[in-house]
Amino acid sequence: MAIFLTKDSRVLVQGMTGAEGTRHTARMLAAGTDVVAGVTPGKGGRSVDFGERTVPVLDSVTAAVDGTGADVSVVFVPPRFVRAAVEETIAASVPLCVVITEGVPVHDAVRLRALAAAGRTRIIGPNCPGLISPGQSSAGIIPADITSAGRIGLVSKSGTLTYQLMYELRDLGFSTAVGIGGDPVVGTTHIDCLQAFQDDPGTDAIVMIGEIGGDAEERAAACIAERVTKPVVAYVAGFTAPEGRTMGHAGAIVSGSSGTAQAKKEALEAVGVRVGRTPSETARLLRSALERAAG
């Protein structure tokens, strides 16, 4: 089992004919993803040869959905084109839209989140690595060869830390790993993923990766206390970050005691979540949590 993305997902890639789109489409195909179409306006009727599969290019998302039954879109287009690309995906009622692009204007992200909420599309991102259900499908840029299929769920703001935890726990493996993105406005939150992992019979434990800034981790702690019964461990990046400065992602800014790594650690530990000071310690905490659950 997995969340949001399975072996049956049919993926279209917006911007597939660009350099990044082509490169990562090849990697998704190598990971077993069923990539059924690319979308680039003005290039409909062409195709891209990826060796074992030739993927058709269509002019619109609607044409791709109608012609292939695609139910996932991965967006590799420049920031100024993201709004139109995702609006088209929402209008075509594609259930899942993964926005890899960095630098999407906040006002565009706010509009797209509102449109998605009013429709039937879940947005992951923007400014995210996407998601992967190892052994089944990959939608985005997460390397498929750093881990294995298993029963751990992972939700993270950080792409790099996603990869590190996946590698640290590669012997246990993952049901799904979701990189939600670190921008101030994202389409899918920690809470959304925590609830999905709680409901997934193929997930036994959850790793949550947060970072300084905002209150997403504190809200996630409240969700865990109310609705999550599976073991959860966490890592919060930014314990050494100076106050008042943006660090890394656009959403990672600390003001006073609000949004600090220590405040987030205390909120999570107050509801029984063990928080590692490093990714390696977090991996050890997850192993201990599974041992306690089994014993």
Protein backbone atom coordinates (compact mmCIF):
# COMPACT_ATOMS: atom_id res chain seq x y z
CA MET A 1 0.00 0.00 0.00
CA ALA A 2 0.97 3.65 -0.29
CA ILE A 3 -0.51 7.15 -0.16
CA PHE A 4 -1.36 9.42 -3.10
CA LEU A 5 0.79 7.49 -5.64
CA THR A 6 0.70 3.77 -6.55
CA LYS A 7 1.74 1.40 -9.31
CA ASP A 8 -1.58 2.14 -11.00
CA SER A 9 -0.95 5.91 -11.23
CA ARG A 10 -0.81 7.23 -14.78
CA VAL A 11 1.52 10.21 -14.95
CA LEU A 12 1.72 13.12 -17.39
CA VAL A 13 4.63 15.54 -17.33
CA GLN A 14 4.05 19.23 -18.04
CA GLY A 15 7.22 20.61 -19.57
CA MET A 16 8.53 17.16 -20.52
CA THR A 17 10.31 18.49 -23.63
CA GLY A 18 12.48 20.88 -21.60
CA ALA A 19 15.90 19.81 -20.30
CA GLU A 20 14.80 19.19 -16.70
CA GLY A 21 11.53 17.60 -17.76
CA THR A 22 13.25 15.19 -20.11
CA ARG A 23 15.95 14.23 -17.62
CA HIS A 24 13.60 13.55 -14.76
CA THR A 25 11.01 11.82 -16.92
CA ALA A 26 13.72 9.32 -17.83
CA ARG A 27 14.46 8.81 -14.14
CA MET A 28 10.78 8.37 -13.31
CA LEU A 29 10.44 5.76 -16.05
CA ALA A 30 13.49 3.93 -14.71
CA ALA A 31 11.80 3.86 -11.30
CA GLY A 32 8.80 2.06 -12.81
CA THR A 33 6.48 5.04 -13.20
CA ASP A 34 3.80 4.72 -15.85
CA VAL A 35 4.48 7.99 -17.71
CA VAL A 36 1.74 8.15 -20.33
CA ALA A 37 2.14 11.64 -21.83
CA GLY A 38 4.00 14.91 -21.90
CA VAL A 39 2.33 18.28 -22.28
CA THR A 40 3.97 21.23 -24.03
CA PRO A 41 1.70 23.76 -25.77
CA GLY A 42 2.59 24.04 -29.44
CA LYS A 43 4.44 20.74 -29.56
CA GLY A 44 1.47 18.39 -29.74
CA GLY A 45 1.91 15.47 -32.13
CA ARG A 46 5.55 14.95 -31.30
CA SER A 47 6.98 12.22 -29.10
CA VAL A 48 10.07 11.67 -26.99
CA ASP A 49 12.01 8.41 -27.18
CA PHE A 50 13.20 7.21 -23.79
CA GLY A 51 14.56 3.90 -25.03
CA GLU A 52 12.13 1.31 -23.73
CA ARG A 53 9.20 3.71 -24.07
CA THR A 54 8.23 6.47 -26.47
CA VAL A 55 6.04 9.07 -24.75
CA PRO A 56 3.64 11.19 -26.82
CA VAL A 57 3.54 14.96 -26.42
CA LEU A 58 0.19 16.75 -26.43
CA ASP A 59 -0.78 20.42 -26.52
CA SER A 60 -2.96 20.43 -23.39
CA VAL A 61 -3.63 18.63 -20.14
CA THR A 62 -7.23 18.01 -21.20
CA ALA A 63 -6.05 16.27 -24.36
CA ALA A 64 -3.59 14.19 -22.33
CA VAL A 65 -6.23 13.16 -19.81
CA ASP A 66 -8.78 12.35 -22.50
CA GLY A 67 -6.27 10.41 -24.56
CA THR A 68 -4.39 8.50 -21.86
CA GLY A 69 -6.43 8.53 -18.65
CA ALA A 70 -3.65 10.34 -16.79
CA ASP A 71 -4.44 10.95 -13.12
CA VAL A 72 -1.18 12.56 -11.94
CA SER A 73 0.59 15.63 -13.34
CA VAL A 74 4.20 16.53 -12.59
CA VAL A 75 5.04 20.16 -13.38
CA PHE A 76 8.50 21.11 -14.71
CA VAL A 77 7.83 24.59 -16.10
CA PRO A 78 9.42 27.98 -15.27
CA PRO A 79 7.87 29.94 -12.38
CA ARG A 80 6.00 32.41 -14.59
CA PHE A 81 4.16 29.55 -16.31
CA VAL A 82 3.26 27.54 -13.20
CA ARG A 83 -0.02 29.30 -12.52
CA ALA A 84 -1.39 28.61 -16.01
CA ALA A 85 -0.10 25.02 -15.99
CA VAL A 86 -1.66 24.15 -12.65
CA GLU A 87 -4.91 25.98 -13.44
CA GLU A 88 -5.16 23.78 -16.52
CA THR A 89 -4.56 20.68 -14.42
CA ILE A 90 -7.25 21.69 -11.94
CA ALA A 91 -9.70 22.46 -14.76
CA ALA A 92 -9.08 18.96 -16.14
CA SER A 93 -9.85 17.47 -12.69
CA VAL A 94 -6.52 15.67 -12.42
CA PRO A 95 -6.51 14.22 -8.87
CA LEU A 96 -2.83 14.89 -8.10
CA CYS A 97 -0.58 17.75 -9.29
CA VAL A 98 3.07 17.74 -8.21
CA VAL A 99 4.75 21.14 -8.66
CA ILE A 100 8.52 20.80 -8.64
CA THR A 101 9.26 24.39 -9.71
CA GLU A 102 11.06 26.71 -7.30
CA GLY A 103 10.37 30.45 -7.18
CA VAL A 104 6.60 30.39 -7.68
CA PRO A 105 5.14 33.77 -6.55
CA VAL A 106 3.29 33.48 -3.25
CA HIS A 107 0.15 35.12 -4.65
CA ASP A 108 0.07 32.45 -7.38
CA ALA A 109 0.46 29.68 -4.80
CA VAL A 110 -2.39 31.13 -2.72
CA ARG A 111 -4.68 31.27 -5.74
CA LEU A 112 -3.82 27.75 -6.85
CA ARG A 113 -4.37 26.30 -3.39
CA ALA A 114 -7.82 27.92 -3.24
CA LEU A 115 -8.73 26.63 -6.72
CA ALA A 116 -7.57 23.13 -5.83
CA ALA A 117 -9.56 23.15 -2.60
CA ALA A 118 -12.69 24.06 -4.55
CA GLY A 119 -12.09 21.25 -7.05
CA ARG A 120 -10.82 17.69 -6.84
CA THR A 121 -7.08 18.23 -7.27
CA ARG A 122 -4.45 17.75 -4.57
CA ILE A 123 -1.37 19.92 -5.09
CA ILE A 124 1.99 18.83 -3.70
CA GLY A 125 4.51 21.69 -3.67
CA PRO A 126 5.53 24.04 -5.09
CA ASN A 127 9.30 23.98 -4.61
CA CYS A 128 9.33 20.33 -3.67
CA PRO A 129 11.05 17.08 -4.72
CA GLY A 130 7.73 15.31 -5.26
CA LEU A 131 6.89 11.89 -3.88
CA ILE A 132 7.84 8.27 -4.33
CA SER A 133 6.26 4.96 -3.42
CA PRO A 134 9.34 2.73 -3.80
CA GLY A 135 8.86 -0.23 -6.07
CA GLN A 136 5.66 1.29 -7.42
CA SER A 137 5.96 4.81 -8.81
CA SER A 138 7.84 8.09 -8.58
CA ALA A 139 6.49 11.56 -9.37
CA GLY A 140 9.22 14.16 -9.16
CA ILE A 141 12.96 14.15 -8.59
CA ILE A 142 13.48 11.84 -5.58
CA PRO A 143 16.16 9.26 -6.43
CA ALA A 144 14.69 5.77 -6.61
CA ASP A 145 17.93 3.92 -5.88
CA ILE A 146 18.61 5.20 -2.37
CA THR A 147 16.02 3.14 -0.53
CA SER A 148 13.60 0.23 -0.81
CA ALA A 149 9.93 -0.55 -0.43
CA GLY A 150 8.79 -0.99 3.16
CA ARG A 151 6.32 0.16 5.78
CA ILE A 152 7.61 3.57 6.90
CA GLY A 153 5.87 6.77 5.83
CA LEU A 154 7.87 9.97 5.49
CA VAL A 155 6.70 13.57 5.13
CA SER A 156 9.24 16.36 4.82
CA LYS A 157 9.66 20.04 4.04
CA SER A 158 13.23 19.46 2.87
CA GLY A 159 14.28 17.54 -0.23
CA THR A 160 17.84 16.88 0.92
CA LEU A 161 16.75 15.65 4.33
CA THR A 162 14.15 13.45 2.66
CA TYR A 163 16.93 11.73 0.76
CA GLN A 164 19.11 11.35 3.82
CA LEU A 165 16.42 9.74 5.97
CA MET A 166 15.40 7.46 3.12
CA TYR A 167 19.01 6.31 2.83
CA GLU A 168 19.50 5.96 6.59
CA LEU A 169 16.42 3.70 6.78
CA ARG A 170 16.90 1.93 3.45
CA ASP A 171 16.98 -1.51 5.09
CA LEU A 172 13.48 -0.96 6.52
CA GLY A 173 12.07 0.76 3.44
CA PHE A 174 9.19 3.13 2.79
CA SER A 175 5.55 2.90 1.80
CA THR A 176 5.65 6.47 0.50
CA ALA A 177 7.95 9.46 0.99
CA VAL A 178 6.39 12.88 0.36
CA GLY A 179 8.35 16.11 -0.02
CA ILE A 180 5.72 18.79 0.60
CA GLY A 181 8.02 21.78 -0.11
CA GLY A 182 9.33 24.54 2.09
CA ASP A 183 7.56 27.60 0.68
CA PRO A 184 5.22 29.63 2.92
CA VAL A 185 2.19 28.38 0.97
CA VAL A 186 2.03 24.74 -0.13
CA GLY A 187 -0.81 22.60 -1.36
CA THR A 188 -0.34 19.61 0.96
CA THR A 189 0.66 19.89 4.62
CA HIS A 190 2.24 17.69 7.24
CA ILE A 191 -1.24 17.15 8.63
CA ASP A 192 -2.60 15.92 5.31
CA CYS A 193 0.18 13.36 5.06
CA LEU A 194 -0.01 12.31 8.71
CA GLN A 195 -3.70 11.55 8.32
CA ALA A 196 -3.11 9.65 5.06
CA PHE A 197 -0.35 7.55 6.66
CA GLN A 198 -2.56 6.90 9.68
CA ASP A 199 -5.26 5.57 7.34
CA ASP A 200 -2.86 3.53 5.20
CA PRO A 201 -2.70 -0.14 6.22
CA GLY A 202 0.70 -0.41 4.52
CA THR A 203 2.34 2.11 6.86
CA ASP A 204 3.46 1.08 10.35
CA ALA A 205 5.38 4.17 11.49
CA ILE A 206 5.94 7.75 10.38
CA VAL A 207 8.94 10.06 10.10
CA MET A 208 8.15 13.78 10.00
CA ILE A 209 10.78 16.32 8.96
CA GLY A 210 10.16 19.98 9.70
CA GLU A 211 12.20 23.12 9.93
CA ILE A 212 12.27 26.49 11.63
CA GLY A 213 9.66 29.11 10.76
CA GLY A 214 5.88 29.22 10.90
CA ASP A 215 3.74 26.92 13.01
CA ALA A 216 3.25 23.90 10.73
CA GLU A 217 5.02 21.54 13.10
CA GLU A 218 3.07 22.79 16.13
CA ARG A 219 -0.19 22.21 14.23
CA ALA A 220 1.05 18.79 13.22
CA ALA A 221 1.69 18.02 16.89
CA ALA A 222 -1.94 18.82 17.69
CA CYS A 223 -3.06 16.53 14.86
CA ILE A 224 -0.87 13.70 16.15
CA ALA A 225 -2.33 14.05 19.63
CA GLU A 226 -5.89 13.90 18.32
CA ARG A 227 -5.78 11.49 15.37
CA VAL A 228 -2.53 9.54 14.96
CA THR A 229 -1.98 6.29 16.83
CA LYS A 230 1.00 4.97 14.87
CA PRO A 231 4.55 5.68 16.12
CA VAL A 232 5.88 9.05 14.94
CA VAL A 233 9.41 10.41 15.20
CA ALA A 234 10.56 13.79 13.96
CA TYR A 235 13.51 15.93 13.02
CA VAL A 236 13.42 19.74 12.97
CA ALA A 237 16.11 21.45 10.94
CA GLY A 238 17.54 24.73 12.22
CA PHE A 239 18.59 24.35 15.86
CA THR A 240 21.59 26.59 15.22
CA ALA A 241 19.80 29.16 13.02
CA PRO A 242 20.17 32.81 14.12
CA GLU A 243 16.96 34.55 15.13
CA GLY A 244 15.26 36.83 12.61
CA ARG A 245 16.94 35.49 9.48
CA THR A 246 15.49 33.47 6.65
CA MET A 247 17.37 30.19 6.39
CA GLY A 248 17.12 28.04 3.27
CA HIS A 249 13.47 27.83 2.30
CA ALA A 250 11.32 30.92 1.93
CA GLY A 251 9.16 29.85 4.86
CA ALA A 252 12.02 29.26 7.29
CA ILE A 253 12.14 32.47 9.32
CA VAL A 254 12.16 32.79 13.09
CA SER A 255 10.60 35.66 15.00
CA GLY A 256 11.22 35.76 18.74
CA SER A 257 10.46 32.38 20.31
CA SER A 258 7.88 31.59 17.63
CA GLY A 259 9.01 29.16 14.98
CA THR A 260 12.26 28.11 16.65
CA ALA A 261 13.48 24.54 16.43
CA GLN A 262 13.37 24.26 20.22
CA ALA A 263 9.73 25.42 20.37
CA LYS A 264 8.77 22.88 17.73
CA LYS A 265 10.70 20.13 19.49
CA GLU A 266 8.89 20.89 22.75
CA ALA A 267 5.47 20.90 21.05
CA LEU A 268 6.13 17.53 19.43
CA GLU A 269 7.62 15.93 22.53
CA ALA A 270 4.62 17.12 24.56
CA VAL A 271 2.42 14.77 22.49
CA GLY A 272 4.82 11.83 22.67
CA VAL A 273 6.83 12.36 19.48
CA ARG A 274 10.54 11.75 19.96
CA VAL A 275 12.63 14.37 18.14
CA GLY A 276 16.16 13.78 16.94
CA ARG A 277 18.85 16.46 16.99
CA THR A 278 20.35 15.02 13.79
CA PRO A 279 18.97 12.93 10.92
CA SER A 280 21.03 9.93 12.08
CA GLU A 281 19.63 10.18 15.59
CA THR A 282 16.13 10.45 14.11
CA ALA A 283 16.68 7.22 12.21
CA ARG A 284 17.78 5.52 15.44
CA LEU A 285 14.68 6.82 17.21
CA LEU A 286 12.49 5.35 14.47
CA ARG A 287 14.14 1.95 14.86
CA SER A 288 13.59 2.11 18.64
CA ALA A 289 9.94 3.09 18.14
CA LEU A 290 9.36 0.08 15.90
CA GLU A 291 11.04 -2.21 18.42
CA ARG A 292 8.84 -0.90 21.23
CA ALA A 293 5.71 -1.26 19.09
CA ALA A 294 6.66 -4.86 18.25
CA GLY A 295 7.44 -5.70 21.86
